[in-house]
Amino acid sequence: LEDAGLVISAKSMDDLLVEMIELPRAVHPWFLACQAHPEFLSTPRDGHPLFSGFVEAAARFAQEHGRGN
């Protein structure tokens, strides 16, 4: 599936389930889907890297497209 842009970036330990998928930046600026629950490891002051990465990408996108402050 990688030639279509979809990247399987994590699988279960028994290799039977797909746990995370991503699209390359050339296809989408920030796309990730996961079955994990990173919100359980996140706090307002110390966000899980998945959430921090999303917020940083959104801020960068807004700034690059003249929508930031």
N, C-alpha and C. Protein backbone atom coordinates (compact mmCIF):
# COMPACT_ATOMS: atom_id res chain seq x y z
N LEU A 1 0.80 -1.21 0.00
CA LEU A 1 0.00 0.00 0.00
C LEU A 1 0.84 1.27 0.00
N GLU A 2 2.11 1.17 0.24
CA GLU A 2 2.95 2.36 0.32
C GLU A 2 2.99 3.13 -1.01
N ASP A 3 2.87 2.44 -2.16
CA ASP A 3 2.89 3.17 -3.42
C ASP A 3 1.64 4.04 -3.57
N ALA A 4 0.58 3.74 -2.84
CA ALA A 4 -0.63 4.57 -2.85
C ALA A 4 -0.51 5.70 -1.84
N GLY A 5 0.55 5.74 -1.07
CA GLY A 5 0.77 6.79 -0.08
C GLY A 5 0.58 6.33 1.35
N LEU A 6 -0.20 5.29 1.56
CA LEU A 6 -0.48 4.81 2.90
C LEU A 6 0.74 4.07 3.47
N VAL A 7 1.12 4.43 4.68
CA VAL A 7 2.25 3.79 5.35
C VAL A 7 1.72 3.11 6.61
N ILE A 8 1.95 1.84 6.74
CA ILE A 8 1.63 1.13 7.97
C ILE A 8 2.82 1.33 8.89
N SER A 9 2.63 2.15 9.93
CA SER A 9 3.77 2.52 10.76
C SER A 9 3.85 1.77 12.08
N ALA A 10 2.83 1.00 12.43
CA ALA A 10 2.91 0.17 13.64
C ALA A 10 1.93 -0.99 13.52
N LYS A 11 2.40 -2.14 13.99
CA LYS A 11 1.57 -3.34 14.03
C LYS A 11 1.58 -3.91 15.43
N SER A 12 0.62 -4.77 15.71
CA SER A 12 0.58 -5.43 17.01
C SER A 12 1.80 -6.33 17.15
N MET A 13 2.10 -6.70 18.39
CA MET A 13 3.29 -7.52 18.64
C MET A 13 3.21 -8.87 17.93
N ASP A 14 2.00 -9.40 17.73
CA ASP A 14 1.87 -10.68 17.03
C ASP A 14 1.80 -10.49 15.51
N ASP A 15 1.91 -9.23 15.06
CA ASP A 15 1.96 -8.88 13.64
C ASP A 15 0.64 -9.16 12.91
N LEU A 16 -0.46 -9.29 13.65
CA LEU A 16 -1.75 -9.59 13.03
C LEU A 16 -2.62 -8.35 12.81
N LEU A 17 -2.40 -7.30 13.60
CA LEU A 17 -3.24 -6.11 13.51
C LEU A 17 -2.42 -4.88 13.15
N VAL A 18 -3.00 -4.02 12.35
CA VAL A 18 -2.39 -2.72 12.07
C VAL A 18 -2.79 -1.79 13.22
N GLU A 19 -1.82 -1.17 13.85
CA GLU A 19 -2.08 -0.29 14.98
C GLU A 19 -2.03 1.19 14.59
N MET A 20 -1.17 1.54 13.62
CA MET A 20 -1.05 2.94 13.19
C MET A 20 -0.83 2.99 11.69
N ILE A 21 -1.45 4.02 11.07
CA ILE A 21 -1.20 4.30 9.65
C ILE A 21 -0.89 5.78 9.51
N GLU A 22 -0.13 6.11 8.48
CA GLU A 22 0.21 7.50 8.20
C GLU A 22 0.18 7.73 6.70
N LEU A 23 0.11 9.00 6.32
CA LEU A 23 0.31 9.41 4.94
C LEU A 23 1.57 10.25 4.90
N PRO A 24 2.40 10.10 3.87
CA PRO A 24 3.61 10.92 3.77
C PRO A 24 3.26 12.40 3.63
N ARG A 25 4.17 13.28 4.02
CA ARG A 25 3.94 14.72 3.93
C ARG A 25 3.67 15.17 2.50
N ALA A 26 4.21 14.46 1.53
CA ALA A 26 3.95 14.81 0.13
C ALA A 26 2.48 14.62 -0.23
N VAL A 27 1.79 13.78 0.51
CA VAL A 27 0.38 13.50 0.25
C VAL A 27 -0.53 14.35 1.14
N HIS A 28 -0.13 14.53 2.41
CA HIS A 28 -0.94 15.29 3.38
C HIS A 28 0.01 15.88 4.41
N PRO A 29 -0.24 17.13 4.86
CA PRO A 29 0.72 17.76 5.79
C PRO A 29 0.86 17.05 7.13
N TRP A 30 -0.22 16.40 7.61
CA TRP A 30 -0.13 15.67 8.89
C TRP A 30 -1.34 14.75 8.98
N PHE A 31 -1.12 13.47 8.78
CA PHE A 31 -2.19 12.50 8.85
C PHE A 31 -1.69 11.27 9.57
N LEU A 32 -2.38 10.91 10.63
CA LEU A 32 -2.03 9.73 11.40
C LEU A 32 -3.32 9.17 11.99
N ALA A 33 -3.45 7.87 11.96
CA ALA A 33 -4.58 7.21 12.60
C ALA A 33 -4.01 6.11 13.50
N CYS A 34 -4.57 5.98 14.69
CA CYS A 34 -4.05 4.96 15.61
C CYS A 34 -5.18 4.34 16.42
N GLN A 35 -4.92 3.16 16.90
CA GLN A 35 -5.87 2.47 17.76
C GLN A 35 -5.49 2.60 19.24
N ALA A 36 -4.36 3.22 19.50
CA ALA A 36 -3.91 3.41 20.88
C ALA A 36 -4.74 4.52 21.55
N HIS A 37 -4.50 4.73 22.82
CA HIS A 37 -5.19 5.79 23.57
C HIS A 37 -4.15 6.69 24.22
N PRO A 38 -3.46 7.52 23.42
CA PRO A 38 -2.43 8.39 24.00
C PRO A 38 -2.98 9.44 24.95
N GLU A 39 -4.29 9.71 24.90
CA GLU A 39 -4.85 10.68 25.83
C GLU A 39 -4.69 10.23 27.27
N PHE A 40 -4.56 8.94 27.51
CA PHE A 40 -4.38 8.44 28.87
C PHE A 40 -2.98 8.76 29.41
N LEU A 41 -2.06 9.07 28.51
CA LEU A 41 -0.69 9.39 28.92
C LEU A 41 -0.39 10.88 28.76
N SER A 42 -1.40 11.68 28.54
CA SER A 42 -1.22 13.09 28.23
C SER A 42 -1.77 13.95 29.35
N THR A 43 -1.12 15.08 29.60
CA THR A 43 -1.62 16.07 30.55
C THR A 43 -1.60 17.42 29.84
N PRO A 44 -2.32 18.43 30.36
CA PRO A 44 -2.29 19.74 29.72
C PRO A 44 -0.89 20.35 29.63
N ARG A 45 -0.05 20.06 30.60
CA ARG A 45 1.31 20.62 30.58
C ARG A 45 2.33 19.73 29.88
N ASP A 46 2.02 18.48 29.76
CA ASP A 46 2.96 17.53 29.14
C ASP A 46 2.17 16.64 28.19
N GLY A 47 1.89 17.18 26.99
CA GLY A 47 1.10 16.45 26.02
C GLY A 47 1.84 15.26 25.44
N HIS A 48 1.11 14.23 25.12
CA HIS A 48 1.68 13.08 24.43
C HIS A 48 2.25 13.56 23.09
N PRO A 49 3.37 13.03 22.62
CA PRO A 49 3.97 13.48 21.36
C PRO A 49 3.00 13.45 20.17
N LEU A 50 2.05 12.56 20.16
CA LEU A 50 1.08 12.53 19.08
C LEU A 50 0.26 13.82 19.06
N PHE A 51 -0.21 14.28 20.22
CA PHE A 51 -0.98 15.51 20.29
C PHE A 51 -0.10 16.74 20.07
N SER A 52 1.07 16.74 20.69
CA SER A 52 2.00 17.87 20.51
C SER A 52 2.38 18.03 19.04
N GLY A 53 2.64 16.92 18.38
CA GLY A 53 2.99 16.96 16.95
C GLY A 53 1.87 17.51 16.10
N PHE A 54 0.63 17.13 16.43
CA PHE A 54 -0.52 17.63 15.69
C PHE A 54 -0.68 19.14 15.88
N VAL A 55 -0.57 19.61 17.12
CA VAL A 55 -0.72 21.04 17.39
C VAL A 55 0.40 21.82 16.71
N GLU A 56 1.63 21.33 16.76
CA GLU A 56 2.75 22.01 16.09
C GLU A 56 2.54 22.06 14.58
N ALA A 57 2.08 20.96 13.99
CA ALA A 57 1.84 20.93 12.54
C ALA A 57 0.72 21.89 12.16
N ALA A 58 -0.33 21.95 12.97
CA ALA A 58 -1.45 22.86 12.68
C ALA A 58 -1.00 24.32 12.76
N ALA A 59 -0.21 24.65 13.77
CA ALA A 59 0.30 26.02 13.93
C ALA A 59 1.21 26.38 12.76
N ARG A 60 2.08 25.46 12.36
CA ARG A 60 2.99 25.70 11.22
C ARG A 60 2.18 25.89 9.94
N PHE A 61 1.17 25.06 9.73
CA PHE A 61 0.32 25.18 8.54
C PHE A 61 -0.38 26.53 8.52
N ALA A 62 -0.95 26.94 9.65
CA ALA A 62 -1.64 28.22 9.73
C ALA A 62 -0.69 29.38 9.43
N GLN A 63 0.51 29.32 9.97
CA GLN A 63 1.49 30.38 9.76
C GLN A 63 1.91 30.43 8.29
N GLU A 64 2.15 29.28 7.68
CA GLU A 64 2.58 29.23 6.28
C GLU A 64 1.48 29.68 5.32
N HIS A 65 0.23 29.56 5.74
CA HIS A 65 -0.88 29.93 4.88
C HIS A 65 -1.57 31.23 5.31
N GLY A 66 -0.85 32.03 6.10
CA GLY A 66 -1.35 33.33 6.49
C GLY A 66 -2.54 33.31 7.41
N ARG A 67 -2.69 32.25 8.19
CA ARG A 67 -3.83 32.16 9.09
C ARG A 67 -3.40 32.23 10.54
N GLY A 68 -2.12 32.40 10.79
CA GLY A 68 -1.63 32.45 12.17
C GLY A 68 -1.58 33.86 12.70
N ASN A 69 -1.36 33.99 13.99
CA ASN A 69 -1.26 35.32 14.61
C ASN A 69 0.17 35.73 14.69
